[in-house]
């Protein structure tokens, strides 16, 4: 296909940066909307070369802000941008679980509303990056067509992404939605640019900072390689004619149980392995004082994932993609953990709760 002009929001983020680089490699003209982080770094740490004049196979940065009207641009620049793109990939969002609702509402909901407005005004196809966990705490099979099933949300992040998807579905723009599950390192090497969310939890577990959590050993975590997520998004961009109006679960080959995680952690002599306690028998107040602080400040944000049992149907994604993840079970977890140990993320202690909270804060 001939090269497209693609606007990518959240271009400096983990997924956005990888999408920008891949689209440019495919010969597209990429306009990368950036805010606080002007440098675009791929998952493997490679800095993406950017240019001031857009062109096929090149990435050009546009300084803006999705939370503001006209994406923070002046009217002329906004109209020039809007009328000159063939696709919009909206990946700008905060994925941190510990933010105030006002932050989620501003960036994830209002930000999506502003990007949707651009797509509507110019009738340009919108590829919206959501999350598989818009299903909240739903149990059992979750279809790609499912959105509002009166689900209960475990985090403000999930609720904000649910509301953002509603904005997309209610719009008059042509759209497709990609829903990644928990994004982790690449399938082959486990490499990941940013150690966020569940990686922070793993750090606390392996250091023995938190030894007991409420959960079930058969609870399910769906882990998806970051390279597969980027590949799905790019495929939707390239084959929008086949993707329009549909939702695609970008998920792993098979969900991992908490027993899988425990078995993988047990292979490393320097790691502590958490003990899962039935939620009905768990008491935060019964934890040792230091552990109680870690639990309340960090682990509590992720607690609902230790008892979820959702399985994501991926019929649409598997029908669209020429390949799918194959790494599963303890073998894949070992790949992810080996990378964390190799680069010193795991196996190296942080002195205290303040250091961990600073780590979390740097991820915003």
Protein backbone atom coordinates (compact mmCIF):
# COMPACT_ATOMS: atom_id res chain seq x y z
CA UNK A 1 0.00 0.00 0.00
CA UNK A 2 1.12 3.58 -0.55
CA UNK A 3 2.42 5.50 2.44
CA UNK A 4 -0.09 7.08 4.81
CA UNK A 5 0.22 10.17 6.99
CA UNK A 6 -0.44 8.95 10.53
CA UNK A 7 -0.84 11.06 13.66
CA UNK A 8 0.14 9.15 16.81
CA UNK A 9 -0.78 10.60 20.20
CA UNK A 10 1.16 9.48 23.25
CA UNK A 11 4.09 8.99 20.91
CA UNK A 12 6.69 9.02 23.70
CA UNK A 13 4.94 6.26 25.66
CA UNK A 14 5.96 2.62 25.61
CA UNK A 15 3.42 1.54 23.00
CA UNK A 16 3.27 4.85 21.13
CA UNK A 17 7.03 4.97 20.53
CA UNK A 18 7.10 1.42 19.20
CA UNK A 19 4.14 2.13 16.92
CA UNK A 20 5.79 5.29 15.55
CA UNK A 21 9.00 3.43 14.73
CA UNK A 22 7.21 0.51 13.07
CA UNK A 23 4.94 2.71 10.96
CA UNK A 24 7.94 4.72 9.76
CA UNK A 25 9.76 1.48 8.87
CA UNK A 26 6.72 0.55 6.79
CA UNK A 27 7.10 3.76 4.76
CA UNK A 28 4.43 5.89 6.40
CA UNK A 29 4.79 9.56 7.33
CA UNK A 30 4.48 9.69 11.11
CA UNK A 31 3.44 12.80 13.02
CA UNK A 32 4.27 12.09 16.65
CA UNK A 33 2.29 14.15 19.17
CA UNK A 34 4.45 14.56 22.27
CA UNK A 35 3.98 16.48 25.50
CA UNK A 36 6.37 16.24 28.45
CA UNK A 37 8.82 13.80 26.89
CA UNK A 38 10.03 15.04 23.49
CA UNK A 39 12.41 12.12 22.90
CA UNK A 40 10.92 8.98 21.35
CA UNK A 41 12.59 5.82 22.63
CA UNK A 42 11.74 2.33 21.40
CA UNK A 43 11.19 -0.60 23.71
CA UNK A 44 14.78 -1.79 23.24
CA UNK A 45 16.16 1.63 24.22
CA UNK A 46 16.88 2.80 20.67
CA UNK A 47 16.20 6.50 20.18
CA UNK A 48 13.98 7.13 17.16
CA UNK A 49 15.45 9.69 14.78
CA UNK A 50 13.04 12.58 14.28
CA UNK A 51 13.02 15.29 11.62
CA UNK A 52 11.44 18.71 11.34
CA UNK A 53 9.99 18.19 7.86
CA UNK A 54 7.53 15.26 7.57
CA UNK A 55 8.07 12.68 4.89
CA UNK A 56 7.61 9.00 3.99
CA UNK A 57 9.51 6.72 6.33
CA UNK A 58 10.21 9.57 8.75
CA UNK A 59 8.98 10.58 12.21
CA UNK A 60 8.29 14.25 12.90
CA UNK A 61 7.41 15.52 16.38
CA UNK A 62 4.45 17.80 17.09
CA UNK A 63 4.35 19.44 20.53
CA UNK A 64 0.81 19.31 21.89
CA UNK A 65 -1.48 18.32 24.72
CA UNK A 66 -4.52 16.08 24.25
CA UNK A 67 -6.14 17.43 27.43
CA UNK A 68 -6.55 20.86 25.84
CA UNK A 69 -8.88 22.05 23.07
CA UNK A 70 -7.35 21.74 19.60
CA UNK A 71 -4.78 19.42 21.22
CA UNK A 72 -2.99 22.46 22.60
CA UNK A 73 -2.22 23.82 19.10
CA UNK A 74 -3.13 27.15 17.57
CA UNK A 75 -6.07 27.08 15.15
CA UNK A 76 -4.00 27.20 11.96
CA UNK A 77 -1.66 24.42 13.07
CA UNK A 78 -4.57 22.30 14.23
CA UNK A 79 -6.41 22.63 10.93
CA UNK A 80 -3.23 21.96 8.98
CA UNK A 81 -2.62 18.83 11.02
CA UNK A 82 -6.21 17.60 10.92
CA UNK A 83 -6.61 18.03 7.18
CA UNK A 84 -3.28 16.42 6.41
CA UNK A 85 -3.58 13.00 8.07
CA UNK A 86 -5.00 9.70 6.83
CA UNK A 87 -5.13 7.92 10.20
CA UNK A 88 -5.05 8.85 13.89
CA UNK A 89 -3.67 6.42 16.47
CA UNK A 90 -4.74 7.52 19.94
CA UNK A 91 -2.47 5.96 22.57
CA UNK A 92 -2.05 8.93 24.92
CA UNK A 93 -3.16 7.94 28.43
CA UNK A 94 -1.95 7.51 31.96
CA UNK A 95 -1.77 3.82 32.82
CA UNK A 96 -0.68 4.27 36.44
CA UNK A 97 -3.12 2.89 39.00
CA UNK A 98 -2.46 5.36 41.81
CA UNK A 99 -3.62 8.61 40.21
CA UNK A 100 -6.44 10.85 41.40
CA UNK A 101 -9.68 10.55 39.44
CA UNK A 102 -9.23 14.12 38.14
CA UNK A 103 -6.06 13.00 36.33
CA UNK A 104 -7.78 10.02 34.70
CA UNK A 105 -10.72 12.18 33.70
CA UNK A 106 -8.51 14.87 32.19
CA UNK A 107 -6.07 12.70 30.27
CA UNK A 108 -7.91 9.46 29.55
CA UNK A 109 -11.47 10.71 29.11
CA UNK A 110 -11.27 14.37 28.08
CA UNK A 111 -8.09 13.63 26.09
CA UNK A 112 -9.96 10.98 24.11
CA UNK A 113 -12.88 13.34 23.61
CA UNK A 114 -10.55 15.94 22.06
CA UNK A 115 -8.92 13.40 19.74
CA UNK A 116 -12.34 12.05 18.74
CA UNK A 117 -13.38 15.60 17.86
CA UNK A 118 -10.44 15.90 15.48
CA UNK A 119 -11.32 12.58 13.82
CA UNK A 120 -14.98 13.59 13.52
CA UNK A 121 -14.26 17.01 12.01
CA UNK A 122 -12.03 15.54 9.33
CA UNK A 123 -13.71 12.14 8.92
CA UNK A 124 -10.33 10.51 9.45
CA UNK A 125 -10.13 6.89 10.68
CA UNK A 126 -9.33 6.63 14.40
CA UNK A 127 -7.45 3.69 15.92
CA UNK A 128 -8.14 3.91 19.65
CA UNK A 129 -5.85 2.10 22.09
CA UNK A 130 -7.89 0.97 25.09
CA UNK A 131 -7.37 -1.90 27.55
CA UNK A 132 -8.80 -5.40 27.80
CA UNK A 133 -9.61 -4.52 31.40
CA UNK A 134 -12.49 -2.25 30.45
CA UNK A 135 -14.29 -5.47 31.42
CA UNK A 136 -13.49 -4.58 35.05
CA UNK A 137 -13.99 -7.52 37.37
CA UNK A 138 -16.06 -9.56 34.89
CA UNK A 139 -15.70 -13.32 35.21
CA UNK A 140 -15.43 -15.89 32.42
CA UNK A 141 -15.21 -15.26 28.68
CA UNK A 142 -15.02 -11.61 27.66
CA UNK A 143 -15.87 -11.02 24.01
CA UNK A 144 -14.31 -8.33 21.86
CA UNK A 145 -17.75 -6.84 21.21
CA UNK A 146 -18.53 -6.52 24.92
CA UNK A 147 -18.23 -3.11 26.56
CA UNK A 148 -21.02 -2.24 28.98
CA UNK A 149 -22.14 -5.25 31.03
CA UNK A 150 -22.68 -3.28 34.25
CA UNK A 151 -19.27 -4.47 35.38
CA UNK A 152 -17.59 -3.34 38.57
CA UNK A 153 -14.21 -1.68 38.14
CA UNK A 154 -11.22 -2.51 40.29
CA UNK A 155 -9.33 0.70 39.47
CA UNK A 156 -10.03 4.25 38.38
CA UNK A 157 -7.84 3.58 35.34
CA UNK A 158 -10.21 0.87 34.07
CA UNK A 159 -13.25 3.06 34.55
CA UNK A 160 -11.61 5.95 32.72
CA UNK A 161 -10.73 3.74 29.74
CA UNK A 162 -14.28 2.40 29.70
CA UNK A 163 -15.63 5.95 29.52
CA UNK A 164 -13.09 6.78 26.82
CA UNK A 165 -14.27 3.84 24.72
CA UNK A 166 -17.83 5.04 25.09
CA UNK A 167 -16.72 8.38 23.63
CA UNK A 168 -15.23 6.58 20.64
CA UNK A 169 -18.32 4.44 20.03
CA UNK A 170 -20.62 7.46 20.29
CA UNK A 171 -18.59 9.48 17.79
CA UNK A 172 -19.34 9.99 14.13
CA UNK A 173 -15.79 9.09 13.11
CA UNK A 174 -14.78 5.80 11.53
CA UNK A 175 -12.96 3.88 14.26
CA UNK A 176 -11.39 0.64 15.41
CA UNK A 177 -10.38 -0.26 18.97
CA UNK A 178 -7.33 -2.22 20.14
CA UNK A 179 -7.48 -3.56 23.71
CA UNK A 180 -4.16 -4.78 25.12
CA UNK A 181 -4.12 -6.78 28.34
CA UNK A 182 -1.15 -6.45 30.77
CA UNK A 183 1.78 -5.33 28.63
CA UNK A 184 5.06 -7.04 29.45
CA UNK A 185 8.40 -7.72 27.75
CA UNK A 186 8.95 -9.11 24.28
CA UNK A 187 8.21 -12.74 23.59
CA UNK A 188 11.75 -13.71 22.63
CA UNK A 189 13.88 -11.80 25.15
CA UNK A 190 11.55 -10.32 27.76
CA UNK A 191 12.98 -6.84 27.10
CA UNK A 192 10.79 -4.00 28.40
CA UNK A 193 11.57 -0.28 28.40
CA UNK A 194 9.51 0.72 31.42
CA UNK A 195 9.12 -1.33 34.59
CA UNK A 196 5.59 -0.28 35.54
CA UNK A 197 2.46 -1.58 37.23
CA UNK A 198 2.79 -5.34 37.77
CA UNK A 199 6.57 -5.09 37.57
CA UNK A 200 6.49 -2.88 40.68
CA UNK A 201 4.35 -5.51 42.42
CA UNK A 202 6.83 -8.22 41.45
CA UNK A 203 9.64 -6.16 42.93
CA UNK A 204 7.89 -5.91 46.28
CA UNK A 205 7.03 -9.61 46.24
CA UNK A 206 10.51 -10.82 45.36
CA UNK A 207 12.13 -8.59 47.98
CA UNK A 208 9.81 -9.96 50.64
CA UNK A 209 8.42 -6.49 51.34
CA UNK A 210 4.91 -7.98 51.00
CA UNK A 211 4.62 -11.65 51.87
CA UNK A 212 0.85 -12.17 52.11
CA UNK A 213 -1.89 -10.87 49.81
CA UNK A 214 -5.58 -11.71 49.37
CA UNK A 215 -6.08 -13.79 46.26
CA UNK A 216 -6.54 -17.16 44.64
CA UNK A 217 -3.91 -19.37 43.07
CA UNK A 218 -6.22 -19.98 40.09
CA UNK A 219 -6.75 -16.25 39.45
CA UNK A 220 -5.78 -15.27 35.90
CA UNK A 221 -3.30 -12.70 34.64
CA UNK A 222 -3.23 -12.09 30.90
CA UNK A 223 0.27 -10.99 29.89
CA UNK A 224 0.88 -9.76 26.35
CA UNK A 225 4.28 -9.03 24.76
CA UNK A 226 4.74 -5.36 23.91
CA UNK A 227 5.92 -6.20 20.38
CA UNK A 228 2.65 -8.00 19.66
CA UNK A 229 0.58 -5.05 20.89
CA UNK A 230 2.46 -2.67 18.57
CA UNK A 231 2.08 -5.13 15.70
CA UNK A 232 -1.70 -5.34 16.17
CA UNK A 233 -2.05 -1.55 16.19
CA UNK A 234 0.02 -1.20 13.02
CA UNK A 235 -1.97 -3.96 11.31
CA UNK A 236 -5.20 -2.13 12.12
CA UNK A 237 -3.72 1.08 10.69
CA UNK A 238 -2.64 -0.67 7.50
CA UNK A 239 -5.83 -2.70 7.04
CA UNK A 240 -8.38 -0.28 8.40
CA UNK A 241 -10.80 -1.31 5.67
CA UNK A 242 -10.97 -4.73 7.39
CA UNK A 243 -10.90 -3.37 10.94
CA UNK A 244 -13.41 -0.52 10.87
CA UNK A 245 -16.04 -0.68 13.60
CA UNK A 246 -14.43 -3.66 15.28
CA UNK A 247 -12.53 -4.27 18.51
CA UNK A 248 -9.37 -6.35 18.80
CA UNK A 249 -8.12 -7.98 21.99
CA UNK A 250 -4.31 -7.83 21.89
CA UNK A 251 -3.74 -10.52 24.51
CA UNK A 252 -1.29 -13.30 25.33
CA UNK A 253 -1.32 -16.84 24.00
CA UNK A 254 -2.79 -18.11 27.25
CA UNK A 255 -3.53 -16.56 30.63
CA UNK A 256 -1.18 -17.22 33.54
CA UNK A 257 -2.46 -18.31 36.93
CA UNK A 258 -1.02 -16.97 40.16
CA UNK A 259 0.22 -20.53 40.72
CA UNK A 260 2.28 -20.16 37.51
CA UNK A 261 3.75 -16.96 38.91
CA UNK A 262 4.55 -18.58 42.25
CA UNK A 263 6.19 -21.57 40.56
CA UNK A 264 8.33 -19.28 38.38
CA UNK A 265 9.43 -17.14 41.33
CA UNK A 266 10.33 -20.26 43.31
CA UNK A 267 13.01 -21.11 40.74
CA UNK A 268 15.10 -18.10 41.86
CA UNK A 269 16.82 -18.68 45.22
CA UNK A 270 17.10 -14.95 45.95
CA UNK A 271 13.36 -14.31 45.47
CA UNK A 272 10.69 -14.41 48.13
CA UNK A 273 7.44 -16.04 46.98
CA UNK A 274 4.18 -14.44 48.14
CA UNK A 275 1.52 -16.41 49.96
CA UNK A 276 -2.06 -15.97 48.74
CA UNK A 277 -4.74 -15.88 51.41
CA UNK A 278 -8.48 -16.24 50.83
CA UNK A 279 -9.88 -12.68 50.72
CA UNK A 280 -12.45 -13.62 53.37
CA UNK A 281 -9.64 -14.52 55.78
CA UNK A 282 -7.23 -11.71 54.93
CA UNK A 283 -6.69 -8.81 57.32
CA UNK A 284 -4.47 -5.87 56.51
CA UNK A 285 -4.27 -5.00 60.20
CA UNK A 286 -2.77 -8.41 60.94
CA UNK A 287 0.26 -7.72 58.74
CA UNK A 288 3.56 -6.62 60.27
CA UNK A 289 3.86 -2.83 60.46
CA UNK A 290 6.33 -2.39 57.56
CA UNK A 291 4.43 -4.81 55.34
CA UNK A 292 1.20 -3.01 56.12
CA UNK A 293 2.63 0.25 54.78
CA UNK A 294 3.69 -1.35 51.50
CA UNK A 295 0.35 -3.06 51.15
CA UNK A 296 -1.72 0.07 51.68
CA UNK A 297 0.46 2.37 49.57
CA UNK A 298 1.15 0.05 46.61
CA UNK A 299 -0.34 -3.45 46.61
CA UNK A 300 -3.90 -2.38 47.42
CA UNK A 301 -4.12 -0.71 44.00
CA UNK A 302 -3.58 -4.09 42.31
CA UNK A 303 -5.35 -6.35 44.81
CA UNK A 304 -8.40 -7.06 42.63
CA UNK A 305 -6.18 -8.65 39.96
CA UNK A 306 -5.22 -11.40 42.41
CA UNK A 307 -8.76 -12.77 42.36
CA UNK A 308 -9.95 -12.13 38.79
CA UNK A 309 -10.89 -14.93 36.40
CA UNK A 310 -11.52 -13.26 33.04
CA UNK A 311 -10.60 -14.99 29.78
CA UNK A 312 -10.36 -12.75 26.73
CA UNK A 313 -11.72 -13.93 23.41
CA UNK A 314 -9.43 -12.80 20.56
CA UNK A 315 -11.28 -14.01 17.47
CA UNK A 316 -11.06 -10.67 15.66
CA UNK A 317 -7.38 -10.17 16.43
CA UNK A 318 -6.43 -13.70 15.41
CA UNK A 319 -8.35 -13.29 12.15
CA UNK A 320 -6.54 -10.04 11.37
CA UNK A 321 -2.99 -10.86 12.44
CA UNK A 322 -0.52 -12.99 10.44
CA UNK A 323 1.03 -14.16 13.73
CA UNK A 324 0.16 -14.46 17.41
CA UNK A 325 2.09 -14.88 20.67
CA UNK A 326 3.12 -18.46 21.40
CA UNK A 327 5.10 -18.13 24.66
CA UNK A 328 3.10 -19.41 27.62
CA UNK A 329 3.33 -20.69 31.16
CA UNK A 330 6.34 -20.74 33.43
CA UNK A 331 8.70 -20.70 30.41
CA UNK A 332 7.53 -17.22 29.38
CA UNK A 333 7.52 -15.98 32.97
CA UNK A 334 11.10 -17.19 33.26
CA UNK A 335 12.01 -15.17 30.16
CA UNK A 336 10.50 -12.03 31.72
CA UNK A 337 12.14 -12.61 35.10
CA UNK A 338 15.53 -13.41 33.57
CA UNK A 339 15.54 -10.03 31.82
CA UNK A 340 14.60 -8.25 35.07
CA UNK A 341 17.49 -9.97 36.86
CA UNK A 342 19.91 -9.38 33.99
CA UNK A 343 19.38 -5.60 34.02
CA UNK A 344 19.28 -5.40 37.83
CA UNK A 345 15.62 -4.50 38.27
CA UNK A 346 14.95 -7.62 40.33
CA UNK A 347 17.46 -8.99 42.78
CA UNK A 348 18.48 -5.46 43.83
CA UNK A 349 16.83 -4.11 46.96
CA UNK A 350 15.36 -0.65 47.34
CA UNK A 351 16.16 0.71 50.84
CA UNK A 352 12.60 1.52 51.85
CA UNK A 353 9.03 2.55 51.03
CA UNK A 354 10.10 6.08 50.08
CA UNK A 355 12.35 4.71 47.36
CA UNK A 356 9.56 2.52 45.98
CA UNK A 357 7.09 5.41 45.96
CA UNK A 358 9.65 7.58 44.16
CA UNK A 359 9.98 4.79 41.57
CA UNK A 360 6.22 4.78 41.08
CA UNK A 361 6.14 8.57 40.87
CA UNK A 362 8.74 8.65 38.11
CA UNK A 363 6.44 6.56 35.94
CA UNK A 364 3.74 9.23 35.64
